[in-house]
Amino acid sequence: MVKKNNILKSVLFLIIIFIISGLLLTLSSCSSSLAEVNGYKITQKEVDSYTASLKTTNPEIFEAENKDKLKIIERQIIDYIIVNKLMEKYGAENNISVLEKEIDIEFKVIRDRYGSEADFQKYLTSNNINEDFLRVWLKDQILGSKIFESITENIAVTDKEVQKYYDENKETIFKTPEQIEVSHILVKFGENDTARKTKEEALEKIKTAQEKIENGDSFENIANRYSEDENTNTNGGALGYFPKGNLVAEFEDAAYKLNIGEISDIVETDYGFHIIKVTDKKPESIVPFAEVKDQIKEYLLKELKSEKWKEFILDLKDKSEITYSDAFNPDADTTTTGADSQESGTTESGQENESPVEEQLITPST
């Protein structure tokens, strides 16, 4: 009896040790620092809160064959958190803050998209987040937007710069190639599809359609009656405008030989037999400056602001105390850290935006 009690005590002692050891390991895992920015420790637990949402919205990047990418993903999350902490510090030093009512307004915008509370909670669950996480995320976005506006508000693009960009790119970006507008009648064939006709039956049907057009029926009427293209057999067979290289070779070769209003002979492609009609042609042209001036100005302004933001983030990082654990040290293995991507681009919400992971962090699916 004494031996049995001793054995039970020993087993109980071991169980307690295992429980305590497991608890200590768990606590250690939660509190271990993956990186540190100006004294703030980024833990595995914090990173996991982001990866949990990513696993819901992008499960494919966490599949077994993509495990090598996990470190890259975690590094991108770490750098995303670092930028947020730099924003907090900069905001505090420059009297830029976010009011609770501002968060409330943006929170309500998202909340109201879903109508009922049940649907809203379903949205949170589907993204693997809770209301607190969403409010923190909104605060980060609002603060980032305010700081972005404050450092880019004086950036402007002159009309001379817009004209220069147009002149340098009008032969490439702003050139529209020759296009033709085509309609067709299609009769399908295929040995492996019981719903399709044999080649002989299809040829007989397309010839009947051709004869009716030659005898005076309108192409559009025959297309509506005979064509098996479900996308066009209610609108006279109209396919729209196409530049060279956008159509099946046999179809395109026949179409580009036609003048406006002309109808082709029967043309065979992998889709079946066609009769083609060209209804319009647009010659190669250059888009007038007046039509794209505003678009160019908007593009150049966005580029200048993005470059300014990139320089701003790099400057903040240079002035900050940032350290990484060995596993995420950017100097140790640049092939797995994704360090370069963290300093390459931004959004106007005030967050860096280069990788699909960062895009998901910045904009949860709604």
Protein backbone atom coordinates (compact mmCIF):
# COMPACT_ATOMS: atom_id res chain seq x y z
CA MET A 1 0.00 0.00 0.00
CA VAL A 2 2.87 2.31 0.87
CA LYS A 3 4.59 1.52 -2.44
CA LYS A 4 1.37 2.15 -4.32
CA ASN A 5 0.96 5.54 -2.64
CA ASN A 6 4.59 6.39 -3.43
CA ILE A 7 4.05 5.48 -7.06
CA LEU A 8 0.90 7.62 -7.20
CA LYS A 9 2.77 10.50 -5.59
CA SER A 10 5.59 10.12 -8.10
CA VAL A 11 3.18 10.07 -11.02
CA LEU A 12 1.30 13.06 -9.61
CA PHE A 13 4.59 14.91 -9.14
CA LEU A 14 5.58 14.23 -12.75
CA ILE A 15 2.17 15.36 -13.99
CA ILE A 16 2.50 18.60 -12.01
CA ILE A 17 6.00 19.13 -13.40
CA PHE A 18 4.75 18.58 -16.96
CA ILE A 19 1.85 20.98 -16.40
CA ILE A 20 4.13 23.64 -14.93
CA SER A 21 6.70 23.11 -17.67
CA GLY A 22 4.04 23.40 -20.35
CA LEU A 23 2.66 26.54 -18.74
CA LEU A 24 6.11 28.09 -18.55
CA LEU A 25 6.76 27.20 -22.18
CA THR A 26 3.44 28.75 -23.16
CA LEU A 27 4.15 31.91 -21.19
CA SER A 28 7.64 32.06 -22.65
CA SER A 29 6.24 31.67 -26.15
CA CYS A 30 3.70 34.46 -25.60
CA SER A 31 6.16 36.88 -24.10
CA SER A 32 9.22 36.15 -26.24
CA SER A 33 10.29 39.13 -28.33
CA LEU A 34 10.57 38.69 -32.09
CA ALA A 35 11.56 42.31 -32.56
CA GLU A 36 11.75 45.54 -30.63
CA VAL A 37 11.09 49.12 -31.72
CA ASN A 38 11.96 51.99 -29.40
CA GLY A 39 11.50 49.75 -26.38
CA TYR A 40 8.24 48.14 -27.53
CA LYS A 41 8.52 44.35 -27.76
CA ILE A 42 6.72 42.57 -30.58
CA THR A 43 5.75 39.10 -29.38
CA GLN A 44 4.81 35.91 -31.15
CA LYS A 45 1.32 36.27 -29.69
CA GLU A 46 0.86 39.67 -31.33
CA VAL A 47 2.08 38.39 -34.68
CA ASP A 48 -0.19 35.36 -34.35
CA SER A 49 -3.22 37.64 -34.00
CA TYR A 50 -2.51 38.88 -37.53
CA THR A 51 -1.66 35.50 -39.02
CA ALA A 52 -4.94 34.11 -37.65
CA SER A 53 -6.85 36.56 -39.83
CA LEU A 54 -4.60 35.87 -42.81
CA LYS A 55 -5.15 32.12 -42.46
CA THR A 56 -8.86 32.75 -42.87
CA THR A 57 -8.63 35.07 -45.86
CA ASN A 58 -5.59 33.45 -47.57
CA PRO A 59 -5.37 29.82 -46.42
CA GLU A 60 -3.34 28.81 -49.48
CA ILE A 61 -0.22 30.62 -48.25
CA PHE A 62 -0.23 28.50 -45.11
CA GLU A 63 -0.47 25.14 -46.85
CA ALA A 64 2.24 22.55 -46.24
CA GLU A 65 4.04 23.26 -49.50
CA ASN A 66 4.23 26.95 -48.60
CA LYS A 67 5.67 26.58 -45.11
CA ASP A 68 8.92 28.16 -46.28
CA LYS A 69 6.97 31.37 -46.81
CA LEU A 70 5.81 31.55 -43.19
CA LYS A 71 8.91 33.38 -42.03
CA ILE A 72 8.51 35.91 -44.85
CA ILE A 73 4.89 36.46 -43.85
CA GLU A 74 5.76 36.86 -40.19
CA ARG A 75 8.55 39.29 -41.03
CA GLN A 76 6.15 41.39 -43.09
CA ILE A 77 3.71 41.40 -40.18
CA ILE A 78 6.50 42.44 -37.81
CA ASP A 79 7.49 45.33 -40.06
CA TYR A 80 3.84 46.33 -40.38
CA ILE A 81 3.62 46.52 -36.57
CA ILE A 82 6.91 48.45 -36.45
CA VAL A 83 5.55 51.07 -38.84
CA ASN A 84 2.41 51.41 -36.71
CA LYS A 85 4.53 51.98 -33.61
CA LEU A 86 6.62 54.57 -35.45
CA MET A 87 3.37 56.31 -36.40
CA GLU A 88 2.24 56.35 -32.78
CA LYS A 89 5.53 57.90 -31.67
CA TYR A 90 5.54 60.47 -34.47
CA GLY A 91 1.92 61.35 -33.79
CA ALA A 92 2.56 61.88 -30.09
CA GLU A 93 5.57 64.09 -30.81
CA ASN A 94 3.71 66.18 -33.40
CA ASN A 95 0.32 66.50 -31.73
CA ILE A 96 -1.42 64.20 -34.23
CA SER A 97 -3.90 61.93 -32.52
CA VAL A 98 -7.05 59.90 -33.11
CA LEU A 99 -10.22 60.61 -31.17
CA GLU A 100 -12.51 57.82 -30.02
CA LYS A 101 -15.38 59.42 -31.92
CA GLU A 102 -13.34 59.17 -35.13
CA ILE A 103 -12.90 55.46 -34.54
CA ASP A 104 -16.61 55.19 -33.72
CA ILE A 105 -17.55 56.77 -37.05
CA GLU A 106 -15.39 54.40 -39.10
CA PHE A 107 -16.46 51.43 -36.98
CA LYS A 108 -20.11 52.31 -37.67
CA VAL A 109 -19.43 52.50 -41.42
CA ILE A 110 -18.21 48.89 -41.38
CA ARG A 111 -20.89 47.80 -38.92
CA ASP A 112 -23.71 49.28 -41.04
CA ARG A 113 -22.63 47.33 -44.12
CA TYR A 114 -23.96 44.16 -42.55
CA GLY A 115 -27.39 45.27 -41.38
CA SER A 116 -27.96 42.89 -38.50
CA GLU A 117 -25.69 42.31 -35.52
CA ALA A 118 -25.58 38.61 -36.41
CA ASP A 119 -24.20 39.34 -39.89
CA PHE A 120 -21.64 41.75 -38.45
CA GLN A 121 -20.45 39.13 -35.97
CA LYS A 122 -20.26 36.64 -38.83
CA TYR A 123 -17.98 39.07 -40.67
CA LEU A 124 -15.70 39.34 -37.63
CA THR A 125 -15.62 35.58 -37.21
CA SER A 126 -14.91 34.98 -40.90
CA ASN A 127 -11.88 37.30 -40.61
CA ASN A 128 -10.80 35.69 -37.34
CA ILE A 129 -10.90 39.02 -35.50
CA ASN A 130 -12.97 40.65 -32.75
CA GLU A 131 -14.31 44.16 -32.23
CA ASP A 132 -11.29 45.25 -30.19
CA PHE A 133 -8.91 44.15 -32.94
CA LEU A 134 -11.01 46.01 -35.54
CA ARG A 135 -11.00 49.21 -33.47
CA VAL A 136 -7.21 49.05 -33.05
CA TRP A 137 -6.84 48.48 -36.78
CA LEU A 138 -9.10 51.47 -37.53
CA LYS A 139 -7.10 53.65 -35.17
CA ASP A 140 -3.89 52.69 -36.98
CA GLN A 141 -5.44 53.53 -40.35
CA ILE A 142 -6.83 56.89 -39.24
CA LEU A 143 -3.56 57.91 -37.62
CA GLY A 144 -1.59 56.81 -40.67
CA SER A 145 -3.91 58.80 -42.94
CA LYS A 146 -3.53 61.95 -40.84
CA ILE A 147 0.25 61.69 -40.81
CA PHE A 148 0.32 60.93 -44.53
CA GLU A 149 -1.72 64.04 -45.26
CA SER A 150 0.43 66.18 -42.98
CA ILE A 151 3.68 65.28 -44.74
CA THR A 152 2.35 65.33 -48.31
CA GLU A 153 -0.12 68.24 -48.24
CA ASN A 154 2.32 70.67 -49.88
CA ILE A 155 3.26 68.38 -52.76
CA ALA A 156 1.97 69.60 -56.12
CA VAL A 157 2.32 68.76 -59.81
CA THR A 158 2.68 71.55 -62.37
CA ASP A 159 1.05 71.66 -65.80
CA LYS A 160 4.54 71.65 -67.29
CA GLU A 161 5.33 68.34 -65.58
CA VAL A 162 2.07 66.86 -66.81
CA GLN A 163 2.78 67.96 -70.40
CA LYS A 164 6.32 66.57 -70.20
CA TYR A 165 5.05 63.16 -69.06
CA TYR A 166 2.52 63.09 -71.89
CA ASP A 167 5.09 64.05 -74.53
CA GLU A 168 7.51 61.38 -73.33
CA ASN A 169 4.88 58.62 -73.33
CA LYS A 170 2.37 59.48 -76.04
CA GLU A 171 3.87 56.99 -78.50
CA THR A 172 3.55 54.14 -75.99
CA ILE A 173 1.11 54.58 -73.13
CA PHE A 174 -1.27 56.90 -74.95
CA LYS A 175 -1.25 55.25 -78.37
CA THR A 176 -4.37 53.28 -79.27
CA PRO A 177 -3.74 50.54 -81.86
CA GLU A 178 -5.94 49.92 -84.88
CA GLN A 179 -9.19 48.21 -83.89
CA ILE A 180 -12.04 46.54 -85.72
CA GLU A 181 -15.62 46.05 -84.59
CA VAL A 182 -16.86 42.59 -85.47
CA SER A 183 -19.99 40.46 -85.29
CA HIS A 184 -20.19 36.75 -85.94
CA ILE A 185 -22.40 33.72 -86.32
CA LEU A 186 -21.02 30.63 -84.57
CA VAL A 187 -22.02 27.00 -85.00
CA LYS A 188 -20.19 24.67 -82.65
CA PHE A 189 -19.01 21.13 -83.27
CA GLY A 190 -17.13 18.58 -81.22
CA GLU A 191 -16.82 14.81 -80.93
CA ASN A 192 -16.58 14.76 -77.13
CA ASP A 193 -19.64 16.85 -76.34
CA THR A 194 -22.94 15.13 -76.95
CA ALA A 195 -24.66 18.51 -76.92
CA ARG A 196 -22.59 19.61 -79.88
CA LYS A 197 -23.12 18.60 -83.48
CA THR A 198 -20.78 16.56 -85.59
CA LYS A 199 -18.57 18.60 -87.88
CA GLU A 200 -20.70 17.65 -90.88
CA GLU A 201 -23.93 18.73 -89.16
CA ALA A 202 -22.36 21.99 -88.02
CA LEU A 203 -21.09 22.74 -91.52
CA GLU A 204 -24.53 22.10 -92.96
CA LYS A 205 -26.14 24.52 -90.48
CA ILE A 206 -23.59 27.31 -91.06
CA LYS A 207 -24.03 26.92 -94.83
CA THR A 208 -27.79 27.32 -94.41
CA ALA A 209 -27.20 30.54 -92.48
CA GLN A 210 -24.79 31.74 -95.17
CA GLU A 211 -27.31 31.07 -97.94
CA LYS A 212 -30.03 33.02 -96.14
CA ILE A 213 -27.72 36.04 -95.82
CA GLU A 214 -26.80 35.79 -99.51
CA ASN A 215 -30.51 35.68 -100.33
CA GLY A 216 -31.15 38.97 -98.58
CA ASP A 217 -31.75 38.25 -94.89
CA SER A 218 -29.90 40.59 -92.57
CA PHE A 219 -26.76 39.31 -90.89
CA GLU A 220 -28.08 40.40 -87.49
CA ASN A 221 -31.35 38.52 -87.90
CA ILE A 222 -29.62 35.31 -88.97
CA ALA A 223 -27.13 35.65 -86.10
CA ASN A 224 -30.00 35.78 -83.63
CA ARG A 225 -31.62 32.72 -85.21
CA TYR A 226 -28.63 30.50 -86.00
CA SER A 227 -25.65 31.49 -83.83
CA GLU A 228 -24.78 29.25 -80.88
CA ASP A 229 -22.74 31.91 -79.11
CA GLU A 230 -24.96 32.52 -76.08
CA ASN A 231 -23.26 35.83 -75.35
CA THR A 232 -24.09 37.39 -78.71
CA ASN A 233 -27.04 35.54 -80.26
CA THR A 234 -29.53 38.06 -78.92
CA ASN A 235 -27.72 41.19 -80.14
CA GLY A 236 -27.09 40.37 -83.78
CA GLY A 237 -23.80 38.60 -83.06
CA ALA A 238 -21.99 41.78 -81.97
CA LEU A 239 -18.64 41.04 -80.30
CA GLY A 240 -17.30 44.60 -79.98
CA TYR A 241 -13.95 46.22 -80.81
CA PHE A 242 -10.66 44.31 -80.88
CA PRO A 243 -7.04 45.30 -81.62
CA LYS A 244 -4.76 42.87 -83.41
CA GLY A 245 -3.59 39.98 -81.26
CA ASN A 246 -6.77 39.71 -79.21
CA LEU A 247 -8.66 37.24 -81.38
CA VAL A 248 -8.10 33.63 -82.44
CA ALA A 249 -5.61 33.64 -85.31
CA GLU A 250 -7.90 32.16 -88.01
CA PHE A 251 -10.74 34.48 -86.99
CA GLU A 252 -8.50 37.54 -86.85
CA ASP A 253 -6.84 36.87 -90.20
CA ALA A 254 -10.20 36.67 -91.92
CA ALA A 255 -11.68 39.67 -90.10
CA TYR A 256 -8.80 42.05 -90.82
CA LYS A 257 -9.07 41.35 -94.55
CA LEU A 258 -12.64 42.67 -94.62
CA ASN A 259 -13.77 46.22 -95.25
CA ILE A 260 -16.53 47.82 -93.20
CA GLY A 261 -19.85 46.12 -93.98
CA GLU A 262 -18.27 43.08 -95.67
CA ILE A 263 -19.07 39.51 -94.62
CA SER A 264 -16.56 36.66 -94.66
CA ASP A 265 -16.80 33.18 -96.06
CA ILE A 266 -17.10 30.34 -93.52
CA VAL A 267 -14.13 30.33 -91.12
CA GLU A 268 -13.15 27.33 -89.00
CA THR A 269 -11.55 27.70 -85.54
CA ASP A 270 -11.32 25.50 -82.47
CA TYR A 271 -14.63 27.01 -81.36
CA GLY A 272 -16.52 25.91 -84.45
CA PHE A 273 -17.58 27.46 -87.76
CA HIS A 274 -17.98 31.24 -88.04
CA ILE A 275 -19.34 33.79 -90.44
CA ILE A 276 -17.79 37.19 -89.67
CA LYS A 277 -18.96 40.73 -90.37
CA VAL A 278 -16.86 43.87 -89.83
CA THR A 279 -19.09 46.75 -88.74
CA ASP A 280 -16.49 49.45 -88.01
CA LYS A 281 -12.77 50.21 -88.04
CA LYS A 282 -10.77 52.60 -85.89
CA PRO A 283 -7.31 53.57 -87.16
CA GLU A 284 -4.29 53.77 -84.89
CA SER A 285 -4.45 56.99 -82.89
CA ILE A 286 -2.96 58.90 -79.97
CA VAL A 287 -5.26 59.93 -77.13
CA PRO A 288 -5.46 63.76 -77.06
CA PHE A 289 -3.67 65.46 -74.17
CA ALA A 290 -6.88 67.12 -72.97
CA GLU A 291 -8.52 63.73 -72.43
CA VAL A 292 -5.78 62.38 -70.16
CA LYS A 293 -4.41 65.53 -68.52
CA ASP A 294 -6.29 65.04 -65.26
CA GLN A 295 -5.41 61.34 -65.09
CA ILE A 296 -1.71 62.09 -65.62
CA LYS A 297 -1.76 64.76 -62.94
CA GLU A 298 -3.42 62.40 -60.48
CA TYR A 299 -0.91 59.65 -61.28
CA LEU A 300 2.13 61.92 -60.90
CA LEU A 301 0.79 63.34 -57.65
CA LYS A 302 0.29 59.85 -56.24
CA GLU A 303 3.82 58.88 -57.29
CA LEU A 304 5.37 61.94 -55.64
CA LYS A 305 3.41 61.40 -52.45
CA SER A 306 4.36 57.74 -52.39
CA GLU A 307 8.04 58.61 -52.78
CA LYS A 308 7.78 61.22 -50.04
CA TRP A 309 6.14 58.69 -47.75
CA LYS A 310 8.80 56.11 -48.47
CA GLU A 311 11.54 58.60 -47.57
CA PHE A 312 9.62 59.57 -44.44
CA ILE A 313 9.35 55.95 -43.23
CA LEU A 314 13.02 55.27 -43.94
CA ASP A 315 13.97 58.38 -42.00
CA LEU A 316 11.84 57.32 -39.02
CA LYS A 317 13.44 53.88 -39.07
CA ASP A 318 16.93 55.37 -39.23
CA LYS A 319 16.19 57.51 -36.17
CA SER A 320 14.67 54.65 -34.19
CA GLU A 321 16.02 51.77 -32.15
CA ILE A 322 14.88 48.68 -34.04
CA THR A 323 16.19 45.20 -33.33
CA TYR A 324 15.13 41.76 -34.51
CA SER A 325 15.54 38.32 -33.02
CA ASP A 326 18.03 36.10 -34.85
CA ALA A 327 15.22 34.36 -36.73
CA PHE A 328 14.03 37.63 -38.25
CA ASN A 329 17.27 39.56 -38.55
CA PRO A 330 17.21 41.22 -42.00
CA ASP A 331 20.98 41.03 -42.22
CA ALA A 332 21.02 37.28 -41.60
CA ASP A 333 19.06 36.09 -44.63
CA THR A 334 17.52 38.60 -47.02
CA THR A 335 15.93 35.80 -49.03
CA THR A 336 13.52 34.95 -46.24
CA THR A 337 12.89 38.22 -44.46
CA GLY A 338 11.26 40.21 -47.21
CA ALA A 339 13.12 43.27 -45.92
CA ASP A 340 13.28 45.00 -49.25
CA SER A 341 9.53 44.93 -49.71
CA GLN A 342 8.99 46.81 -46.50
CA GLU A 343 10.54 50.00 -47.82
CA SER A 344 9.27 50.06 -51.34
CA GLY A 345 5.76 51.47 -51.46
CA THR A 346 2.86 52.93 -49.58
CA THR A 347 -0.82 53.61 -49.70
CA GLU A 348 -2.49 56.90 -49.03
CA SER A 349 -3.85 55.40 -45.84
CA GLY A 350 -0.40 55.90 -44.43
CA GLN A 351 0.75 52.29 -44.52
CA GLU A 352 3.41 50.60 -46.56
CA ASN A 353 1.78 48.48 -49.22
CA GLU A 354 3.84 46.17 -51.37
CA SER A 355 3.04 42.53 -50.69
CA PRO A 356 -0.26 40.61 -50.74
CA VAL A 357 0.21 39.98 -47.02
CA GLU A 358 0.49 43.69 -46.28
CA GLU A 359 -2.54 44.36 -48.45
CA GLN A 360 -4.54 41.95 -46.33
CA LEU A 361 -3.29 43.55 -43.12
CA ILE A 362 -4.22 46.98 -44.37
CA THR A 363 -7.62 46.05 -45.72
CA PRO A 364 -9.51 43.17 -44.07
CA SER A 365 -11.99 41.53 -46.38
CA THR A 366 -15.44 43.03 -46.07
